């Protein structure tokens, strides 16, 4: 049996997705708004800053829109402004994930704040400072009755790291939520125990999308016997009695990982969101992309997978990407691309 995501992939529109010539675009979560148009929430920071670590220091979440789900999407607004540094998300917001339930839009994301000067173009960010700010990552969720806002922004994180002694005692990041019809929400997040340790995924549950959340178990999910196996960037949804997830195969030391292709997508399912079964044909998507003009390229990265649902069916796969010979060695800016899915 083939992978149920991979077998639905169609050629990607060359002029689709969301791109800005003067900004790096990352992430990308799309939804159909109350106006019948399609809206994508993405992360961006200025091209003049370089790629580097500025996604931790100078990133903002923006909304772009299109009349068609594949785009192209046009920038419309910055969603959040910077605020007083005492707030967890004061200076930087990243990883947007947009959901709708019971008349309200829920925008999950992570934020950071930090002391010292805000780095600008040409400023070197030391590894020590980057690690310090990296450890400030916390998940939040903002709410609005309209896709256009105004957004009610939280003063406190949605879910905090636990105390030392737990595997997730440093950060909470990479949020992705599955909201059931009654509002019960399952939230996947990423964390690790200490600097340099393996990044892992956890699961928490709440009666409503805005919490309060409780971990379903003390241990991470997707525990692998091989320490070089690593997954990140999960996207979770619930359908037909099962939880589903696609995530990035981020294996280390050329071990081959789950799919055999670094940066490809992994597909898994679960009944309870704790015990997961990786599909027998695990690859959900590949960095080798077929475009609608007949060309085929190998993208240096495909990150932050997100699905657009219409009438309960997944219709489009969104991915942060860039051109280049090797991962993270981008030639020009990054952008968000879209792959239509067969729905029959």
Protein backbone atom coordinates (compact mmCIF):
# COMPACT_ATOMS: atom_id res chain seq x y z
CA UNK A 1 0.00 0.00 0.00
CA UNK A 2 1.49 3.34 -1.06
CA UNK A 3 1.80 6.38 1.14
CA UNK A 4 -1.63 8.09 1.23
CA UNK A 5 -0.09 11.57 1.06
CA UNK A 6 2.66 10.92 -1.49
CA UNK A 7 0.30 9.25 -3.96
CA UNK A 8 -1.91 12.37 -3.99
CA UNK A 9 0.83 14.87 -4.80
CA UNK A 10 0.31 16.86 -7.99
CA UNK A 11 2.75 19.18 -9.83
CA UNK A 12 3.51 22.31 -7.84
CA UNK A 13 2.62 25.67 -9.45
CA UNK A 14 5.81 27.58 -10.24
CA UNK A 15 4.05 30.87 -9.53
CA UNK A 16 2.11 29.65 -6.52
CA UNK A 17 2.66 30.03 -2.79
CA UNK A 18 3.97 33.12 -1.03
CA UNK A 19 7.21 34.95 -1.80
CA UNK A 20 8.62 38.41 -1.05
CA UNK A 21 11.78 39.56 -2.81
CA UNK A 22 13.19 41.47 0.19
CA UNK A 23 12.36 38.95 2.91
CA UNK A 24 13.09 35.41 3.92
CA UNK A 25 9.75 33.59 4.24
CA UNK A 26 9.48 30.56 6.51
CA UNK A 27 6.66 28.41 7.83
CA UNK A 28 3.26 28.93 6.19
CA UNK A 29 -0.18 27.89 7.45
CA UNK A 30 -3.23 28.46 5.22
CA UNK A 31 -6.97 28.61 5.86
CA UNK A 32 -10.11 29.69 4.04
CA UNK A 33 -11.45 32.83 5.70
CA UNK A 34 -14.97 34.01 6.34
CA UNK A 35 -14.64 36.15 3.20
CA UNK A 36 -14.21 33.09 0.97
CA UNK A 37 -10.58 33.99 0.23
CA UNK A 38 -7.52 32.01 1.26
CA UNK A 39 -5.15 33.38 3.88
CA UNK A 40 -1.65 32.23 4.76
CA UNK A 41 0.14 33.08 7.98
CA UNK A 42 3.92 32.95 7.59
CA UNK A 43 7.15 34.03 9.26
CA UNK A 44 9.41 36.63 7.68
CA UNK A 45 12.57 38.64 8.35
CA UNK A 46 14.47 41.07 6.17
CA UNK A 47 16.80 39.72 3.49
CA UNK A 48 19.46 42.26 4.46
CA UNK A 49 19.79 40.52 7.82
CA UNK A 50 20.82 37.21 6.23
CA UNK A 51 19.31 33.83 7.04
CA UNK A 52 21.46 32.87 10.04
CA UNK A 53 19.84 33.16 13.47
CA UNK A 54 17.64 36.17 12.81
CA UNK A 55 14.53 33.98 12.85
CA UNK A 56 15.08 34.03 16.64
CA UNK A 57 15.71 37.78 16.96
CA UNK A 58 13.98 39.67 14.12
CA UNK A 59 11.13 37.54 12.83
CA UNK A 60 7.50 38.63 12.55
CA UNK A 61 4.30 36.83 11.58
CA UNK A 62 2.47 38.17 8.54
CA UNK A 63 -0.77 37.44 6.75
CA UNK A 64 -1.03 37.19 2.96
CA UNK A 65 -4.10 36.36 0.87
CA UNK A 66 -5.21 34.97 -2.48
CA UNK A 67 -8.44 34.22 -4.29
CA UNK A 68 -7.08 30.73 -5.10
CA UNK A 69 -5.70 28.18 -2.63
CA UNK A 70 -2.49 27.70 -4.62
CA UNK A 71 -1.83 31.45 -4.76
CA UNK A 72 0.13 33.45 -5.53
CA UNK A 73 -0.45 35.04 -2.12
CA UNK A 74 -0.01 38.78 -1.68
CA UNK A 75 1.19 40.35 1.56
CA UNK A 76 -1.54 42.20 3.47
CA UNK A 77 -0.40 42.85 7.04
CA UNK A 78 1.96 42.23 9.93
CA UNK A 79 -0.07 40.36 12.54
CA UNK A 80 1.79 41.30 15.75
CA UNK A 81 3.91 44.28 16.71
CA UNK A 82 6.81 44.22 19.13
CA UNK A 83 5.91 45.06 22.72
CA UNK A 84 7.52 45.43 26.17
CA UNK A 85 10.29 42.92 26.73
CA UNK A 86 8.65 41.51 29.85
CA UNK A 87 6.30 39.48 27.64
CA UNK A 88 7.40 36.03 26.43
CA UNK A 89 6.81 36.96 22.75
CA UNK A 90 7.84 40.61 22.93
CA UNK A 91 10.50 40.84 20.23
CA UNK A 92 10.09 37.86 17.92
CA UNK A 93 7.29 35.57 16.71
CA UNK A 94 7.66 32.46 14.52
CA UNK A 95 6.02 29.10 13.59
CA UNK A 96 2.44 30.29 12.95
CA UNK A 97 -0.28 27.64 12.71
CA UNK A 98 -3.84 28.82 12.06
CA UNK A 99 -6.99 26.92 13.11
CA UNK A 100 -10.72 27.66 13.31
CA UNK A 101 -13.24 26.29 15.79
CA UNK A 102 -16.66 27.38 16.99
CA UNK A 103 -16.58 30.87 15.49
CA UNK A 104 -13.01 31.72 16.54
CA UNK A 105 -9.65 31.66 14.78
CA UNK A 106 -6.74 30.31 16.83
CA UNK A 107 -3.23 31.33 15.79
CA UNK A 108 -0.62 29.13 17.47
CA UNK A 109 3.02 30.30 17.35
CA UNK A 110 6.15 30.59 19.43
CA UNK A 111 7.65 33.82 20.70
CA UNK A 112 10.94 34.98 22.18
CA UNK A 113 12.17 37.93 24.16
CA UNK A 114 15.68 38.82 25.20
CA UNK A 115 17.93 41.42 26.76
CA UNK A 116 20.57 43.51 25.05
CA UNK A 117 20.55 45.22 21.67
CA UNK A 118 18.38 44.04 18.80
CA UNK A 119 20.85 42.81 16.15
CA UNK A 120 20.73 44.54 12.78
CA UNK A 121 22.25 44.02 9.32
CA UNK A 122 25.91 43.06 9.56
CA UNK A 123 25.81 42.39 13.30
CA UNK A 124 27.36 39.11 14.35
CA UNK A 125 25.27 36.97 16.71
CA UNK A 126 27.50 34.87 18.94
CA UNK A 127 26.67 31.22 19.50
CA UNK A 128 26.34 31.96 23.22
CA UNK A 129 23.72 34.65 22.64
CA UNK A 130 21.88 32.55 20.08
CA UNK A 131 21.67 29.65 22.56
CA UNK A 132 20.44 31.96 25.29
CA UNK A 133 17.61 33.33 23.15
CA UNK A 134 16.87 29.90 21.65
CA UNK A 135 16.10 28.70 25.19
CA UNK A 136 13.51 31.46 25.56
CA UNK A 137 11.17 29.92 22.97
CA UNK A 138 7.62 29.56 24.30
CA UNK A 139 4.35 28.60 22.59
CA UNK A 140 1.42 31.00 22.60
CA UNK A 141 -2.01 31.19 20.95
CA UNK A 142 -3.80 34.37 19.85
CA UNK A 143 -7.53 34.49 19.07
CA UNK A 144 -9.79 36.53 16.80
CA UNK A 145 -13.37 36.41 15.54
CA UNK A 146 -12.25 37.50 12.06
CA UNK A 147 -9.31 36.43 9.91
CA UNK A 148 -8.49 40.14 9.78
CA UNK A 149 -8.30 40.43 13.56
CA UNK A 150 -8.05 42.17 15.90
CA UNK A 151 -6.04 39.46 17.60
CA UNK A 152 -6.20 38.94 21.36
CA UNK A 153 -2.62 38.19 22.24
CA UNK A 154 -1.73 36.21 25.39
CA UNK A 155 0.35 37.64 28.20
CA UNK A 156 1.57 34.17 29.24
CA UNK A 157 2.74 31.13 27.26
CA UNK A 158 0.21 28.46 26.40
CA UNK A 159 2.48 25.69 27.64
CA UNK A 160 5.70 26.07 29.61
CA UNK A 161 8.76 23.81 29.82
CA UNK A 162 8.77 21.54 32.83
CA UNK A 163 11.36 21.59 35.57
CA UNK A 164 14.84 20.04 35.17
CA UNK A 165 14.68 16.28 35.29
CA UNK A 166 12.12 16.16 32.49
CA UNK A 167 13.02 15.74 28.82
CA UNK A 168 11.21 19.01 27.95
CA UNK A 169 12.71 21.36 30.53
CA UNK A 170 14.22 23.94 28.12
CA UNK A 171 11.69 25.23 25.55
CA UNK A 172 8.27 24.76 23.95
CA UNK A 173 8.17 25.31 20.19
CA UNK A 174 6.88 23.96 16.82
CA UNK A 175 3.20 23.91 17.84
CA UNK A 176 0.63 21.99 15.83
CA UNK A 177 -2.91 21.37 17.06
CA UNK A 178 -5.72 18.98 16.18
CA UNK A 179 -9.08 20.37 17.36
CA UNK A 180 -11.88 17.81 17.71
CA UNK A 181 -15.54 18.78 17.13
CA UNK A 182 -16.21 19.20 20.87
CA UNK A 183 -13.18 21.50 21.23
CA UNK A 184 -10.84 18.96 22.79
CA UNK A 185 -7.42 19.89 21.43
CA UNK A 186 -4.28 17.81 21.06
CA UNK A 187 -1.08 19.84 20.79
CA UNK A 188 2.24 18.50 19.54
CA UNK A 189 5.28 20.51 20.58
CA UNK A 190 9.08 20.23 20.43
CA UNK A 191 11.64 20.48 23.22
CA UNK A 192 14.85 18.95 24.57
CA UNK A 193 16.55 18.30 27.91
CA UNK A 194 19.78 20.30 27.50
CA UNK A 195 21.88 22.10 24.90
CA UNK A 196 23.07 19.65 22.28
CA UNK A 197 20.68 16.87 23.27
CA UNK A 198 18.25 15.35 20.78
CA UNK A 199 15.19 17.44 19.99
CA UNK A 200 12.04 15.45 20.65
CA UNK A 201 8.26 15.77 20.38
CA UNK A 202 5.67 15.77 23.14
CA UNK A 203 1.87 15.74 23.26
CA UNK A 204 -0.53 17.68 25.47
CA UNK A 205 -4.33 17.90 25.63
CA UNK A 206 -6.81 20.60 26.62
CA UNK A 207 -10.63 20.88 26.73
CA UNK A 208 -10.40 23.94 24.44
CA UNK A 209 -7.81 25.21 21.96
CA UNK A 210 -6.73 27.97 24.37
CA UNK A 211 -6.10 25.55 27.22
CA UNK A 212 -5.36 24.66 29.94
CA UNK A 213 -3.04 21.92 28.66
CA UNK A 214 -1.84 18.79 30.40
CA UNK A 215 0.80 16.40 29.09
CA UNK A 216 -0.58 13.00 28.15
CA UNK A 217 2.57 11.27 29.31
CA UNK A 218 5.93 12.10 30.83
CA UNK A 219 7.98 10.72 27.95
CA UNK A 220 8.30 12.08 24.42
CA UNK A 221 6.54 10.42 21.50
CA UNK A 222 8.50 8.88 18.60
CA UNK A 223 11.33 7.49 20.70
CA UNK A 224 13.89 5.79 18.46
CA UNK A 225 16.56 3.26 19.44
CA UNK A 226 18.96 4.88 16.97
CA UNK A 227 20.13 8.23 18.45
CA UNK A 228 20.69 9.61 14.94
CA UNK A 229 16.97 9.28 14.08
CA UNK A 230 15.29 12.64 14.53
CA UNK A 231 11.96 14.11 13.42
CA UNK A 232 10.68 17.67 13.71
CA UNK A 233 8.16 20.14 12.24
CA UNK A 234 5.08 18.01 12.95
CA UNK A 235 1.66 18.80 11.49
CA UNK A 236 -1.19 16.93 13.19
CA UNK A 237 -4.83 16.41 12.24
CA UNK A 238 -7.73 14.13 13.17
CA UNK A 239 -9.79 12.24 10.60
CA UNK A 240 -11.85 9.05 10.45
CA UNK A 241 -11.10 8.00 14.03
CA UNK A 242 -7.34 8.44 13.77
CA UNK A 243 -4.75 11.10 14.49
CA UNK A 244 -2.42 11.71 11.57
CA UNK A 245 0.93 13.48 11.44
CA UNK A 246 3.41 14.48 8.77
CA UNK A 247 6.84 15.67 9.88
CA UNK A 248 10.36 16.23 8.63
CA UNK A 249 12.88 13.37 8.53
CA UNK A 250 15.81 15.25 10.09
CA UNK A 251 18.20 12.36 10.62
CA UNK A 252 21.84 12.90 11.60
CA UNK A 253 25.23 11.56 10.48
CA UNK A 254 23.94 10.26 7.12
CA UNK A 255 22.22 7.35 8.83
CA UNK A 256 19.32 7.26 6.35
CA UNK A 257 16.64 7.90 8.92
CA UNK A 258 13.09 6.72 8.39
CA UNK A 259 12.60 7.54 4.71
CA UNK A 260 16.17 7.33 3.41
CA UNK A 261 16.03 10.96 2.26
CA UNK A 262 17.05 13.82 4.54
CA UNK A 263 14.36 16.49 4.67
CA UNK A 264 11.60 14.29 3.25
CA UNK A 265 8.23 13.97 4.99
CA UNK A 266 7.30 11.12 7.34
CA UNK A 267 3.68 9.99 7.73
CA UNK A 268 2.33 8.26 10.85
CA UNK A 269 -1.02 7.55 12.53
CA UNK A 270 -2.29 6.94 16.06
CA UNK A 271 -5.47 6.01 17.88
CA UNK A 272 -4.59 7.79 21.13
CA UNK A 273 -1.93 10.34 20.10
CA UNK A 274 0.61 8.52 22.28
CA UNK A 275 1.39 5.29 20.44
CA UNK A 276 2.23 6.07 16.82
CA UNK A 277 2.55 3.78 13.82
CA UNK A 278 4.86 4.96 11.07
CA UNK A 279 3.42 3.99 7.69
CA UNK A 280 5.01 0.98 5.97
CA UNK A 281 5.80 3.30 3.06
CA UNK A 282 6.73 6.29 5.25
CA UNK A 283 7.71 9.00 2.74
CA UNK A 284 4.91 11.60 2.49
CA UNK A 285 6.81 14.01 0.21
CA UNK A 286 10.28 14.42 -1.26
CA UNK A 287 12.67 17.31 -1.75
CA UNK A 288 12.57 16.29 -5.42
CA UNK A 289 9.71 18.45 -6.70
CA UNK A 290 7.85 18.25 -10.01
CA UNK A 291 6.58 21.66 -11.13
CA UNK A 292 3.62 22.50 -13.35
CA UNK A 293 5.91 23.57 -16.22
CA UNK A 294 7.35 20.04 -16.39
CA UNK A 295 10.66 20.85 -14.69
CA UNK A 296 11.99 18.84 -11.76
CA UNK A 297 14.23 20.28 -9.04
CA UNK A 298 15.72 19.07 -5.79
CA UNK A 299 15.04 21.74 -3.21
CA UNK A 300 17.74 22.26 -0.61
CA UNK A 301 15.06 22.34 2.11
CA UNK A 302 11.39 21.50 2.58
CA UNK A 303 10.32 22.57 6.06
CA UNK A 304 7.27 23.21 8.26
CA UNK A 305 4.69 21.11 6.34
CA UNK A 306 1.12 22.33 6.68
CA UNK A 307 -2.08 21.10 5.05
CA UNK A 308 -5.02 23.20 3.88
CA UNK A 309 -8.39 21.54 4.50
CA UNK A 310 -11.56 22.32 2.58
CA UNK A 311 -14.85 20.63 3.46
CA UNK A 312 -12.95 18.24 5.71
CA UNK A 313 -10.48 17.12 3.03
CA UNK A 314 -6.80 17.96 2.67
CA UNK A 315 -6.43 19.78 -0.65
CA UNK A 316 -3.01 21.48 -0.59
CA UNK A 317 0.37 20.91 1.07
CA UNK A 318 2.36 24.02 2.03
CA UNK A 319 6.13 23.92 2.66
CA UNK A 320 8.87 26.43 3.39
CA UNK A 321 11.59 26.04 0.77
CA UNK A 322 14.57 27.55 -0.98
CA UNK A 323 16.91 26.94 -3.89
CA UNK A 324 20.49 25.82 -3.37
CA UNK A 325 22.89 22.90 -3.65
CA UNK A 326 22.95 21.95 0.02
CA UNK A 327 20.58 22.30 2.99
CA UNK A 328 20.41 25.86 4.35
CA UNK A 329 22.79 27.17 1.65
CA UNK A 330 20.13 29.31 0.01
CA UNK A 331 20.60 31.05 -3.32
CA UNK A 332 18.35 34.06 -2.82
CA UNK A 333 15.41 34.29 -0.46
CA UNK A 334 13.28 31.45 0.88
CA UNK A 335 9.54 31.24 0.27
CA UNK A 336 6.48 29.11 0.91
CA UNK A 337 5.52 26.73 -1.90
CA UNK A 338 2.30 24.77 -2.36
CA UNK A 339 1.59 21.32 -3.79
CA UNK A 340 -2.04 20.57 -4.78
CA UNK A 341 -3.40 17.19 -3.68
CA UNK A 342 -5.73 14.89 -5.59
CA UNK A 343 -9.05 14.78 -3.76
CA UNK A 344 -10.89 12.00 -5.63
